[in-house]
């Protein structure tokens, strides 16, 4: 299996790959030590993958909700920030237009409106 590498040469493991490998350990197909030798990664890294996988599952069960990938969460939070900024701009425009409308109603002769 060909593992992609970063520009500096470090390998990049996908979330699916990590889940599959930790799944093998959980199912008892291999041990952490064997998997460490097979993938040529530290046992501590594999322990961290396992901890993160079980921690996410436990939090989802405790909350009664499904786990959302961090990337999707960040994208949703970014979209919320964009929408809040747009809403702020629209609110400001409405306030400015209301103030201008009120001024025109107070002094119509100053703005070229007829006095009829």
Protein backbone atom coordinates (compact mmCIF):
# COMPACT_ATOMS: atom_id res chain seq x y z
CA UNK A 1 0.00 0.00 0.00
CA UNK A 2 1.35 3.41 -1.01
CA UNK A 3 1.03 6.03 1.73
CA UNK A 4 1.09 9.67 0.53
CA UNK A 5 3.80 11.92 1.91
CA UNK A 6 4.04 15.61 2.76
CA UNK A 7 6.64 17.83 1.13
CA UNK A 8 8.99 17.21 4.06
CA UNK A 9 8.74 13.43 3.60
CA UNK A 10 6.41 12.61 6.49
CA UNK A 11 3.65 10.12 5.73
CA UNK A 12 0.02 11.25 5.78
CA UNK A 13 -2.46 8.69 7.09
CA UNK A 14 -6.14 9.26 6.29
CA UNK A 15 -8.81 9.01 8.95
CA UNK A 16 -10.26 5.94 7.20
CA UNK A 17 -6.85 4.25 7.22
CA UNK A 18 -6.42 4.97 10.94
CA UNK A 19 -9.91 3.63 11.70
CA UNK A 20 -9.22 0.45 9.73
CA UNK A 21 -5.90 -0.17 11.47
CA UNK A 22 -7.25 0.51 14.96
CA UNK A 23 -10.24 -1.69 14.09
CA UNK A 24 -7.83 -4.56 13.49
CA UNK A 25 -6.42 -4.07 17.00
CA UNK A 26 -9.88 -3.83 18.59
CA UNK A 27 -11.05 -6.99 16.80
CA UNK A 28 -7.94 -8.79 18.04
CA UNK A 29 -6.47 -9.43 14.59
CA UNK A 30 -3.18 -7.88 15.65
CA UNK A 31 -1.59 -6.21 18.65
CA UNK A 32 -0.42 -2.62 18.97
CA UNK A 33 3.20 -3.80 18.94
CA UNK A 34 2.72 -5.87 15.78
CA UNK A 35 0.90 -3.04 14.05
CA UNK A 36 3.63 -0.62 15.12
CA UNK A 37 6.27 -2.79 13.43
CA UNK A 38 4.08 -3.37 10.36
CA UNK A 39 3.39 0.33 9.75
CA UNK A 40 6.75 1.51 11.08
CA UNK A 41 5.14 3.99 13.48
CA UNK A 42 5.55 4.39 17.22
CA UNK A 43 3.36 2.49 19.64
CA UNK A 44 2.49 5.81 21.31
CA UNK A 45 1.05 7.11 18.04
CA UNK A 46 -1.10 4.01 17.65
CA UNK A 47 -2.26 4.32 21.26
CA UNK A 48 -3.25 7.93 20.52
CA UNK A 49 -5.22 6.86 17.43
CA UNK A 50 -7.00 4.26 19.53
CA UNK A 51 -7.70 6.71 22.34
CA UNK A 52 -9.12 9.29 19.94
CA UNK A 53 -11.30 6.68 18.23
CA UNK A 54 -12.78 5.38 21.48
CA UNK A 55 -13.04 8.85 23.04
CA UNK A 56 -15.08 10.13 20.10
CA UNK A 57 -17.39 7.14 20.30
CA UNK A 58 -17.85 7.50 24.04
CA UNK A 59 -18.67 11.21 23.73
CA UNK A 60 -21.22 10.50 21.03
CA UNK A 61 -22.89 7.82 23.13
CA UNK A 62 -22.92 10.06 26.21
CA UNK A 63 -24.44 12.93 24.23
CA UNK A 64 -26.85 10.68 22.38
CA UNK A 65 -25.61 12.14 19.10
CA UNK A 66 -23.42 11.13 16.20
CA UNK A 67 -19.81 12.25 15.92
CA UNK A 68 -19.21 14.96 13.34
CA UNK A 69 -15.79 15.13 11.70
CA UNK A 70 -13.76 18.13 12.82
CA UNK A 71 -13.41 19.35 9.24
CA UNK A 72 -17.16 19.48 8.76
CA UNK A 73 -17.55 21.28 12.08
CA UNK A 74 -14.93 23.89 11.12
CA UNK A 75 -16.62 24.41 7.73
CA UNK A 76 -20.00 24.87 9.41
CA UNK A 77 -18.56 27.34 11.93
CA UNK A 78 -16.90 29.29 9.10
CA UNK A 79 -20.23 29.44 7.22
CA UNK A 80 -21.98 30.67 10.39
CA UNK A 81 -19.39 33.46 10.77
CA UNK A 82 -19.90 34.49 7.13
CA UNK A 83 -23.68 34.57 7.55
CA UNK A 84 -23.42 36.56 10.79
CA UNK A 85 -21.23 39.15 9.03
CA UNK A 86 -23.70 39.38 6.15
CA UNK A 87 -26.58 39.77 8.61
CA UNK A 88 -24.69 42.53 10.42
CA UNK A 89 -24.12 44.41 7.16
CA UNK A 90 -27.80 44.08 6.20
CA UNK A 91 -28.93 45.25 9.64
CA UNK A 92 -26.65 48.28 9.41
CA UNK A 93 -27.98 49.13 5.94
CA UNK A 94 -31.59 48.90 7.17
CA UNK A 95 -30.82 51.19 10.12
CA UNK A 96 -29.17 53.75 7.84
CA UNK A 97 -32.08 53.67 5.40
CA UNK A 98 -34.64 54.04 8.21
CA UNK A 99 -32.77 57.03 9.62
CA UNK A 100 -32.59 58.63 6.17
CA UNK A 101 -36.29 57.96 5.61
CA UNK A 102 -37.16 59.57 8.95
CA UNK A 103 -35.06 62.65 8.04
CA UNK A 104 -36.82 63.01 4.70
CA UNK A 105 -40.22 62.79 6.39
CA UNK A 106 -39.25 65.52 8.91
CA UNK A 107 -38.01 68.13 6.41
CA UNK A 108 -39.41 67.40 2.96
CA UNK A 109 -38.80 70.93 1.56
CA UNK A 110 -35.05 70.57 2.05
CA UNK A 111 -34.89 67.54 -0.21
CA UNK A 112 -36.73 68.93 -3.21
CA UNK A 113 -40.10 67.51 -2.26
CA UNK A 114 -43.10 69.65 -3.10
CA UNK A 115 -45.06 71.27 -0.25
CA UNK A 116 -48.47 70.31 -1.63
